[in-house]
Amino acid sequence: MAEKKKNIFQKIAKYFRECVGELKKITWPTLSQTTKNFLIVLVVVLIMGVLIYALDQGLYFVLNRVMGVIPQ
């Protein structure tokens, strides 16, 4: 005979039990690792922001120079 189908609630309960089991296997970073990684990301974002700003200002200057808006 074919097995009886599980109802939707049994499937949902099984899914959440498996999720909890997988969460227990995770090696979470320590506070110092998280802080270090956060600072690295923050510095890189700031550097990239400054570079993009400088590129934008440089291209704006060149475009205005080419179009003759800025006197020579």
Protein backbone atom coordinates (compact mmCIF):
# COMPACT_ATOMS: atom_id res chain seq x y z
CA MET A 1 0.00 0.00 0.00
CA ALA A 2 1.04 3.56 -0.59
CA GLU A 3 2.09 5.61 2.38
CA LYS A 4 -0.41 8.06 3.76
CA LYS A 5 0.32 11.62 2.58
CA LYS A 6 1.48 14.05 5.24
CA ASN A 7 -0.81 16.99 5.72
CA ILE A 8 0.40 20.55 5.27
CA PHE A 9 0.85 21.18 9.01
CA GLN A 10 3.12 18.16 9.40
CA LYS A 11 5.23 19.39 6.47
CA ILE A 12 5.49 22.88 7.96
CA ALA A 13 6.45 21.47 11.38
CA LYS A 14 9.11 19.26 9.79
CA TYR A 15 10.49 22.24 7.87
CA PHE A 16 10.87 24.33 11.03
CA ARG A 17 12.46 21.44 12.96
CA GLU A 18 15.01 21.08 10.15
CA CYS A 19 15.63 24.86 10.19
CA VAL A 20 16.37 24.80 13.92
CA GLY A 21 18.71 21.85 13.39
CA GLU A 22 20.61 23.72 10.68
CA LEU A 23 20.85 26.86 12.82
CA LYS A 24 22.54 24.84 15.56
CA LYS A 25 25.28 23.82 13.09
CA ILE A 26 26.25 27.42 12.29
CA THR A 27 29.48 28.81 13.70
CA TRP A 28 28.56 32.39 14.54
CA PRO A 29 31.28 35.08 14.42
CA THR A 30 32.51 36.58 17.67
CA LEU A 31 31.88 40.19 18.58
CA SER A 32 35.47 41.15 17.75
CA GLN A 33 35.26 39.48 14.32
CA THR A 34 31.98 41.23 13.60
CA THR A 35 33.38 44.61 14.70
CA LYS A 36 36.52 44.13 12.60
CA ASN A 37 34.52 43.18 9.51
CA PHE A 38 32.13 46.08 10.04
CA LEU A 39 35.00 48.56 10.23
CA ILE A 40 36.60 47.13 7.09
CA VAL A 41 33.33 47.47 5.17
CA LEU A 42 32.80 51.00 6.51
CA VAL A 43 36.30 52.12 5.44
CA VAL A 44 35.93 50.59 1.97
CA VAL A 45 32.51 52.24 1.50
CA LEU A 46 33.89 55.62 2.57
CA ILE A 47 36.90 55.31 0.26
CA MET A 48 34.70 54.31 -2.68
CA GLY A 49 32.34 57.18 -1.91
CA VAL A 50 35.21 59.67 -1.97
CA LEU A 51 36.56 58.21 -5.22
CA ILE A 52 33.15 58.35 -6.90
CA TYR A 53 32.65 61.93 -5.67
CA ALA A 54 36.07 62.97 -7.01
CA LEU A 55 35.38 61.30 -10.36
CA ASP A 56 31.99 62.99 -10.58
CA GLN A 57 33.43 66.41 -9.80
CA GLY A 58 36.30 65.90 -12.26
CA LEU A 59 34.00 64.87 -15.08
CA TYR A 60 31.65 67.77 -14.28
CA PHE A 61 34.59 70.17 -14.50
CA VAL A 62 35.80 68.70 -17.81
CA LEU A 63 32.31 68.76 -19.30
CA ASN A 64 31.80 72.40 -18.32
CA ARG A 65 35.24 73.27 -19.73
CA VAL A 66 34.45 71.55 -23.04
CA MET A 67 31.07 73.24 -23.32
CA GLY A 68 32.61 76.60 -22.56
CA VAL A 69 30.66 77.32 -19.40
CA ILE A 70 33.82 77.90 -17.35
CA PRO A 71 35.99 80.76 -18.67
CA GLN A 72 39.59 79.83 -19.47
